[in-house]
N, C-alpha and C. Protein backbone atom coordinates (compact mmCIF):
# COMPACT_ATOMS: atom_id res chain seq x y z
N MET A 1 56.68 112.53 142.28
CA MET A 1 57.77 112.89 143.17
C MET A 1 58.98 113.38 142.37
N TYR A 2 59.30 112.67 141.25
CA TYR A 2 60.45 113.06 140.45
C TYR A 2 60.24 114.43 139.81
N VAL A 3 59.01 114.73 139.45
CA VAL A 3 58.70 116.02 138.85
C VAL A 3 58.97 117.14 139.85
N ILE A 4 58.53 116.95 141.08
CA ILE A 4 58.74 117.96 142.11
C ILE A 4 60.23 118.13 142.40
N LEU A 5 60.96 117.03 142.51
CA LEU A 5 62.40 117.11 142.75
C LEU A 5 63.11 117.82 141.60
N THR A 6 62.69 117.56 140.37
CA THR A 6 63.30 118.21 139.23
C THR A 6 62.99 119.70 139.21
N LEU A 7 61.78 120.08 139.57
CA LEU A 7 61.45 121.50 139.67
C LEU A 7 62.29 122.18 140.75
N ILE A 8 62.49 121.51 141.86
CA ILE A 8 63.33 122.05 142.93
C ILE A 8 64.77 122.20 142.44
N ALA A 9 65.26 121.20 141.70
CA ALA A 9 66.62 121.28 141.15
C ALA A 9 66.76 122.46 140.20
N GLY A 10 65.76 122.69 139.37
CA GLY A 10 65.79 123.84 138.46
C GLY A 10 65.79 125.16 139.21
N ALA A 11 64.99 125.24 140.27
CA ALA A 11 64.98 126.46 141.08
C ALA A 11 66.33 126.69 141.73
N CYS A 12 66.93 125.61 142.20
CA CYS A 12 68.26 125.71 142.81
C CYS A 12 69.30 126.16 141.79
N GLN A 13 69.19 125.67 140.56
CA GLN A 13 70.15 126.06 139.53
C GLN A 13 70.06 127.55 139.24
N ALA A 14 68.86 128.09 139.14
CA ALA A 14 68.69 129.53 138.89
C ALA A 14 69.24 130.35 140.06
N ALA A 15 68.93 129.94 141.30
CA ALA A 15 69.43 130.66 142.46
C ALA A 15 70.95 130.55 142.55
N MET A 16 71.48 129.35 142.28
CA MET A 16 72.93 129.13 142.35
C MET A 16 73.66 130.02 141.35
N ALA A 17 73.17 130.08 140.12
CA ALA A 17 73.84 130.89 139.10
C ALA A 17 73.85 132.36 139.50
N SER A 18 72.75 132.84 140.07
CA SER A 18 72.69 134.24 140.52
C SER A 18 73.69 134.50 141.64
N LEU A 19 73.71 133.62 142.63
CA LEU A 19 74.64 133.78 143.75
C LEU A 19 76.09 133.64 143.29
N ASN A 20 76.34 132.70 142.38
CA ASN A 20 77.69 132.53 141.87
C ASN A 20 78.18 133.77 141.14
N GLY A 21 77.27 134.43 140.42
CA GLY A 21 77.63 135.68 139.76
C GLY A 21 78.07 136.73 140.76
N MET A 22 77.41 136.77 141.90
CA MET A 22 77.80 137.72 142.95
C MET A 22 79.14 137.33 143.57
N ILE A 23 79.34 136.04 143.80
CA ILE A 23 80.62 135.57 144.37
C ILE A 23 81.77 135.90 143.42
N SER A 24 81.53 135.79 142.12
CA SER A 24 82.61 136.04 141.16
C SER A 24 83.06 137.49 141.18
N ASP A 25 82.22 138.42 141.66
CA ASP A 25 82.65 139.81 141.82
C ASP A 25 83.77 139.92 142.84
N TYR A 26 83.79 139.00 143.80
CA TYR A 26 84.82 139.00 144.84
C TYR A 26 86.02 138.12 144.47
N LEU A 27 85.77 136.98 143.83
CA LEU A 27 86.82 135.98 143.64
C LEU A 27 87.23 135.76 142.19
N GLY A 28 86.51 136.34 141.23
CA GLY A 28 86.74 136.02 139.83
C GLY A 28 86.01 134.74 139.48
N MET A 29 85.88 134.48 138.19
CA MET A 29 85.10 133.33 137.74
C MET A 29 85.66 131.99 138.23
N PHE A 30 86.95 131.80 138.05
CA PHE A 30 87.51 130.49 138.40
C PHE A 30 87.70 130.33 139.90
N GLY A 31 87.96 131.44 140.61
CA GLY A 31 88.00 131.38 142.07
C GLY A 31 86.64 131.03 142.63
N MET A 32 85.59 131.63 142.05
CA MET A 32 84.23 131.30 142.48
C MET A 32 83.94 129.83 142.24
N SER A 33 84.31 129.33 141.06
CA SER A 33 84.04 127.93 140.74
C SER A 33 84.78 127.00 141.71
N LEU A 34 86.01 127.33 142.02
CA LEU A 34 86.78 126.52 142.97
C LEU A 34 86.11 126.50 144.34
N VAL A 35 85.72 127.66 144.83
CA VAL A 35 85.10 127.73 146.15
C VAL A 35 83.77 126.97 146.17
N VAL A 36 82.95 127.16 145.14
CA VAL A 36 81.65 126.50 145.08
C VAL A 36 81.82 124.98 145.04
N HIS A 37 82.74 124.51 144.22
CA HIS A 37 82.95 123.06 144.13
C HIS A 37 83.59 122.50 145.39
N ALA A 38 84.49 123.25 146.01
CA ALA A 38 85.11 122.79 147.26
C ALA A 38 84.07 122.68 148.37
N ILE A 39 83.22 123.70 148.50
CA ILE A 39 82.18 123.66 149.53
C ILE A 39 81.22 122.50 149.26
N GLY A 40 80.82 122.34 147.99
CA GLY A 40 79.94 121.23 147.63
C GLY A 40 80.58 119.89 147.94
N GLY A 41 81.87 119.74 147.61
CA GLY A 41 82.58 118.49 147.89
C GLY A 41 82.65 118.20 149.38
N LEU A 42 82.96 119.22 150.17
CA LEU A 42 83.04 119.02 151.62
C LEU A 42 81.68 118.64 152.21
N LEU A 43 80.63 119.30 151.74
CA LEU A 43 79.29 118.97 152.23
C LEU A 43 78.89 117.54 151.85
N LEU A 44 79.25 117.12 150.65
CA LEU A 44 78.94 115.74 150.24
C LEU A 44 79.72 114.72 151.06
N ILE A 45 80.99 115.00 151.33
CA ILE A 45 81.78 114.09 152.17
C ILE A 45 81.16 113.99 153.56
N LEU A 46 80.77 115.13 154.12
CA LEU A 46 80.13 115.14 155.43
C LEU A 46 78.82 114.34 155.41
N TYR A 47 78.02 114.56 154.38
CA TYR A 47 76.75 113.82 154.25
C TYR A 47 77.01 112.32 154.16
N MET A 48 78.00 111.93 153.37
CA MET A 48 78.31 110.51 153.21
C MET A 48 78.79 109.89 154.52
N LYS A 49 79.58 110.63 155.26
CA LYS A 49 80.08 110.10 156.54
C LYS A 49 78.96 109.94 157.56
N ILE A 50 78.05 110.91 157.61
CA ILE A 50 77.01 110.91 158.63
C ILE A 50 75.83 110.00 158.27
N PHE A 51 75.37 110.07 157.01
CA PHE A 51 74.12 109.41 156.66
C PHE A 51 74.25 108.12 155.86
N THR A 52 75.15 108.07 154.90
CA THR A 52 75.17 106.91 154.02
C THR A 52 76.29 105.93 154.35
N HIS A 53 77.32 106.39 154.98
CA HIS A 53 78.49 105.58 155.34
C HIS A 53 79.12 104.91 154.12
N GLU A 54 78.97 105.53 152.96
CA GLU A 54 79.58 105.01 151.73
C GLU A 54 81.07 105.35 151.72
N LYS A 55 81.83 104.48 151.13
CA LYS A 55 83.24 104.77 150.90
C LYS A 55 83.34 105.37 149.50
N LEU A 56 84.13 106.42 149.40
CA LEU A 56 84.30 107.09 148.12
C LEU A 56 85.38 106.38 147.32
N LYS A 57 85.00 105.91 146.15
CA LYS A 57 85.94 105.21 145.27
C LYS A 57 85.88 105.90 143.92
N ILE A 58 86.98 106.52 143.52
CA ILE A 58 86.98 107.26 142.25
C ILE A 58 87.86 106.61 141.20
N THR A 59 88.18 105.35 141.39
CA THR A 59 88.99 104.64 140.39
C THR A 59 88.15 103.55 139.74
N GLY A 60 88.63 103.04 138.64
CA GLY A 60 87.97 101.92 137.99
C GLY A 60 86.89 102.30 137.00
N MET A 61 86.66 103.59 136.82
CA MET A 61 85.65 104.04 135.85
C MET A 61 86.32 104.22 134.50
N PRO A 62 85.53 104.14 133.43
CA PRO A 62 86.10 104.49 132.12
C PRO A 62 86.57 105.95 132.14
N TRP A 63 87.63 106.24 131.42
CA TRP A 63 88.27 107.55 131.46
C TRP A 63 87.31 108.69 131.11
N TYR A 64 86.37 108.47 130.19
CA TYR A 64 85.51 109.56 129.72
C TYR A 64 84.50 110.01 130.77
N LEU A 65 84.24 109.19 131.78
CA LEU A 65 83.28 109.59 132.81
C LEU A 65 83.81 110.74 133.67
N TYR A 66 85.13 110.89 133.72
CA TYR A 66 85.71 111.99 134.48
C TYR A 66 85.42 113.34 133.82
N SER A 67 85.00 113.34 132.56
CA SER A 67 84.67 114.59 131.87
C SER A 67 83.47 115.28 132.50
N ALA A 68 82.69 114.57 133.29
CA ALA A 68 81.54 115.19 133.97
C ALA A 68 82.01 116.34 134.87
N GLY A 69 83.18 116.20 135.46
CA GLY A 69 83.73 117.28 136.28
C GLY A 69 84.01 118.52 135.45
N PHE A 70 84.54 118.31 134.25
CA PHE A 70 84.79 119.43 133.34
C PHE A 70 83.48 120.13 132.99
N PHE A 71 82.45 119.33 132.67
CA PHE A 71 81.16 119.92 132.32
C PHE A 71 80.55 120.67 133.51
N GLY A 72 80.76 120.16 134.71
CA GLY A 72 80.27 120.86 135.90
C GLY A 72 80.92 122.22 136.08
N ILE A 73 82.23 122.26 135.90
CA ILE A 73 82.94 123.54 136.01
C ILE A 73 82.49 124.49 134.92
N LEU A 74 82.38 123.99 133.70
CA LEU A 74 81.96 124.82 132.58
C LEU A 74 80.56 125.38 132.82
N LEU A 75 79.66 124.54 133.31
CA LEU A 75 78.29 124.99 133.61
C LEU A 75 78.29 126.11 134.64
N VAL A 76 79.03 125.92 135.72
CA VAL A 76 79.05 126.93 136.79
C VAL A 76 79.66 128.23 136.30
N VAL A 77 80.79 128.15 135.63
CA VAL A 77 81.48 129.37 135.20
C VAL A 77 80.68 130.11 134.13
N VAL A 78 80.23 129.41 133.10
CA VAL A 78 79.54 130.08 132.00
C VAL A 78 78.20 130.64 132.45
N SER A 79 77.41 129.87 133.20
CA SER A 79 76.10 130.38 133.62
C SER A 79 76.26 131.55 134.58
N SER A 80 77.25 131.50 135.45
CA SER A 80 77.46 132.60 136.38
C SER A 80 77.93 133.86 135.67
N TYR A 81 78.74 133.69 134.65
CA TYR A 81 79.20 134.83 133.87
C TYR A 81 78.05 135.44 133.07
N CYS A 82 77.29 134.60 132.39
CA CYS A 82 76.23 135.09 131.51
C CYS A 82 75.06 135.69 132.26
N ILE A 83 74.79 135.21 133.45
CA ILE A 83 73.62 135.70 134.19
C ILE A 83 73.79 137.18 134.53
N GLY A 84 75.03 137.61 134.73
CA GLY A 84 75.27 139.02 135.02
C GLY A 84 75.14 139.91 133.81
N ILE A 85 75.16 139.33 132.63
CA ILE A 85 75.08 140.10 131.40
C ILE A 85 73.67 140.06 130.80
N ILE A 86 73.09 138.87 130.72
CA ILE A 86 71.79 138.74 130.04
C ILE A 86 70.62 138.52 131.00
N GLY A 87 70.90 138.35 132.29
CA GLY A 87 69.82 138.17 133.27
C GLY A 87 69.50 136.71 133.52
N ALA A 88 68.84 136.46 134.64
CA ALA A 88 68.55 135.09 135.08
C ALA A 88 67.53 134.40 134.17
N SER A 89 66.48 135.09 133.78
CA SER A 89 65.43 134.45 132.97
C SER A 89 65.96 134.02 131.61
N TYR A 90 66.63 134.93 130.92
CA TYR A 90 67.12 134.60 129.58
C TYR A 90 68.21 133.54 129.65
N MET A 91 69.10 133.64 130.63
CA MET A 91 70.15 132.63 130.79
C MET A 91 69.53 131.26 131.04
N THR A 92 68.53 131.20 131.90
CA THR A 92 67.89 129.93 132.22
C THR A 92 67.17 129.37 130.99
N CYS A 93 66.48 130.21 130.24
CA CYS A 93 65.81 129.75 129.02
C CYS A 93 66.81 129.19 128.02
N LEU A 94 67.92 129.89 127.81
CA LEU A 94 68.94 129.40 126.89
C LEU A 94 69.55 128.10 127.39
N SER A 95 69.77 128.02 128.70
CA SER A 95 70.36 126.83 129.29
C SER A 95 69.43 125.62 129.12
N VAL A 96 68.16 125.83 129.39
CA VAL A 96 67.19 124.74 129.24
C VAL A 96 67.09 124.32 127.77
N THR A 97 67.14 125.29 126.86
CA THR A 97 67.10 124.97 125.43
C THR A 97 68.31 124.11 125.05
N GLY A 98 69.48 124.50 125.52
CA GLY A 98 70.68 123.69 125.26
C GLY A 98 70.56 122.29 125.83
N GLN A 99 69.99 122.20 127.03
CA GLN A 99 69.78 120.89 127.64
C GLN A 99 68.82 120.04 126.83
N MET A 100 67.73 120.65 126.37
CA MET A 100 66.72 119.89 125.61
C MET A 100 67.28 119.41 124.28
N LEU A 101 67.99 120.28 123.57
CA LEU A 101 68.54 119.88 122.27
C LEU A 101 69.58 118.77 122.44
N THR A 102 70.47 118.94 123.41
CA THR A 102 71.50 117.93 123.65
C THR A 102 70.87 116.63 124.14
N SER A 103 69.88 116.71 124.99
CA SER A 103 69.19 115.52 125.47
C SER A 103 68.50 114.77 124.34
N ALA A 104 67.93 115.51 123.40
CA ALA A 104 67.27 114.86 122.26
C ALA A 104 68.28 114.09 121.43
N VAL A 105 69.47 114.66 121.24
CA VAL A 105 70.51 113.96 120.48
C VAL A 105 71.00 112.73 121.25
N ILE A 106 71.22 112.90 122.56
CA ILE A 106 71.67 111.78 123.39
C ILE A 106 70.63 110.66 123.38
N ASP A 107 69.36 111.03 123.54
CA ASP A 107 68.28 110.03 123.48
C ASP A 107 68.25 109.32 122.13
N HIS A 108 68.30 110.10 121.06
CA HIS A 108 68.17 109.54 119.72
C HIS A 108 69.24 108.49 119.43
N PHE A 109 70.47 108.76 119.85
CA PHE A 109 71.56 107.84 119.56
C PHE A 109 71.84 106.85 120.69
N GLY A 110 71.19 107.05 121.86
CA GLY A 110 71.42 106.16 122.99
C GLY A 110 72.83 106.26 123.55
N TRP A 111 73.40 107.46 123.50
CA TRP A 111 74.76 107.66 124.01
C TRP A 111 74.81 107.46 125.52
N PHE A 112 75.98 107.19 126.03
CA PHE A 112 76.27 107.07 127.46
C PHE A 112 75.50 105.94 128.13
N GLY A 113 75.12 104.95 127.35
CA GLY A 113 74.48 103.77 127.93
C GLY A 113 73.02 103.93 128.30
N ILE A 114 72.39 105.01 127.88
CA ILE A 114 70.97 105.16 128.20
C ILE A 114 70.13 104.50 127.11
N PRO A 115 68.88 104.17 127.40
CA PRO A 115 68.03 103.55 126.38
C PRO A 115 67.84 104.50 125.19
N ARG A 116 67.87 103.96 124.00
CA ARG A 116 67.71 104.76 122.79
C ARG A 116 66.24 105.14 122.63
N VAL A 117 65.98 106.43 122.47
CA VAL A 117 64.63 106.95 122.23
C VAL A 117 64.71 107.78 120.95
N PRO A 118 64.37 107.18 119.82
CA PRO A 118 64.50 107.90 118.54
C PRO A 118 63.67 109.18 118.51
N PHE A 119 64.23 110.21 117.89
CA PHE A 119 63.51 111.48 117.72
C PHE A 119 62.36 111.26 116.75
N ASN A 120 61.20 111.83 117.06
CA ASN A 120 60.08 111.74 116.13
C ASN A 120 59.45 113.12 115.93
N LYS A 121 58.65 113.23 114.92
CA LYS A 121 58.06 114.51 114.52
C LYS A 121 57.15 115.10 115.58
N LYS A 122 56.64 114.28 116.48
CA LYS A 122 55.74 114.77 117.52
C LYS A 122 56.44 115.72 118.48
N ARG A 123 57.77 115.68 118.53
CA ARG A 123 58.52 116.55 119.43
C ARG A 123 58.79 117.93 118.83
N ILE A 124 58.63 118.06 117.54
CA ILE A 124 58.95 119.34 116.88
C ILE A 124 58.14 120.51 117.45
N PRO A 125 56.82 120.37 117.68
CA PRO A 125 56.08 121.50 118.27
C PRO A 125 56.64 121.94 119.63
N CYS A 126 57.11 120.99 120.41
CA CYS A 126 57.70 121.33 121.71
C CYS A 126 58.92 122.22 121.53
N PHE A 127 59.78 121.86 120.60
CA PHE A 127 60.98 122.65 120.35
C PHE A 127 60.62 124.02 119.77
N LEU A 128 59.57 124.08 118.95
CA LEU A 128 59.14 125.37 118.42
C LEU A 128 58.58 126.27 119.52
N LEU A 129 57.86 125.69 120.47
CA LEU A 129 57.36 126.47 121.61
C LEU A 129 58.52 127.02 122.45
N ILE A 130 59.55 126.20 122.63
CA ILE A 130 60.71 126.67 123.38
C ILE A 130 61.38 127.82 122.63
N LEU A 131 61.51 127.70 121.33
CA LEU A 131 62.09 128.76 120.52
C LEU A 131 61.25 130.04 120.63
N ALA A 132 59.94 129.89 120.59
CA ALA A 132 59.05 131.05 120.75
C ALA A 132 59.24 131.69 122.12
N GLY A 133 59.37 130.86 123.14
CA GLY A 133 59.60 131.40 124.49
C GLY A 133 60.92 132.15 124.58
N LEU A 134 61.94 131.63 123.94
CA LEU A 134 63.23 132.34 123.92
C LEU A 134 63.11 133.70 123.26
N ILE A 135 62.36 133.74 122.15
CA ILE A 135 62.19 135.01 121.44
C ILE A 135 61.42 136.01 122.31
N VAL A 136 60.35 135.55 122.97
CA VAL A 136 59.55 136.44 123.83
C VAL A 136 60.39 136.94 125.00
N ILE A 137 61.13 136.07 125.64
CA ILE A 137 61.99 136.48 126.77
C ILE A 137 63.02 137.50 126.30
N ASN A 138 63.62 137.26 125.14
CA ASN A 138 64.65 138.15 124.63
C ASN A 138 64.09 139.52 124.28
N LEU A 139 62.88 139.56 123.76
CA LEU A 139 62.28 140.83 123.34
C LEU A 139 61.71 141.63 124.51
N SER A 140 61.45 140.97 125.62
CA SER A 140 60.79 141.68 126.73
C SER A 140 61.76 142.50 127.56
């Protein structure tokens, strides 16, 4: 089930970046990001009111957790900008590569309170295959 949901999330990310690139033609990069995040926020508030009845509490967290909002804005703006220049496939491949490399570092050191999963040599072929895929996508 998690695999299917993750595949759906990846498909949504590719579609979102493409649509955001089109929106930025009308609103500019930061205007697009504001509109996208505002619409997402309103839809989440509506969902919470109708289905979960959760109260939104944004205080009491460690200060560094608020940086997730910065990363969200950066992701939306940069991917939307780059997709118009390098295309959806190459942007997505580069994005996934960045995610994999960063995730490997986060796993290895156990940052952000996740279980530590030390990097081992068995993962190197996976990273080499990703690098090969990036090269093939770029050359095509």
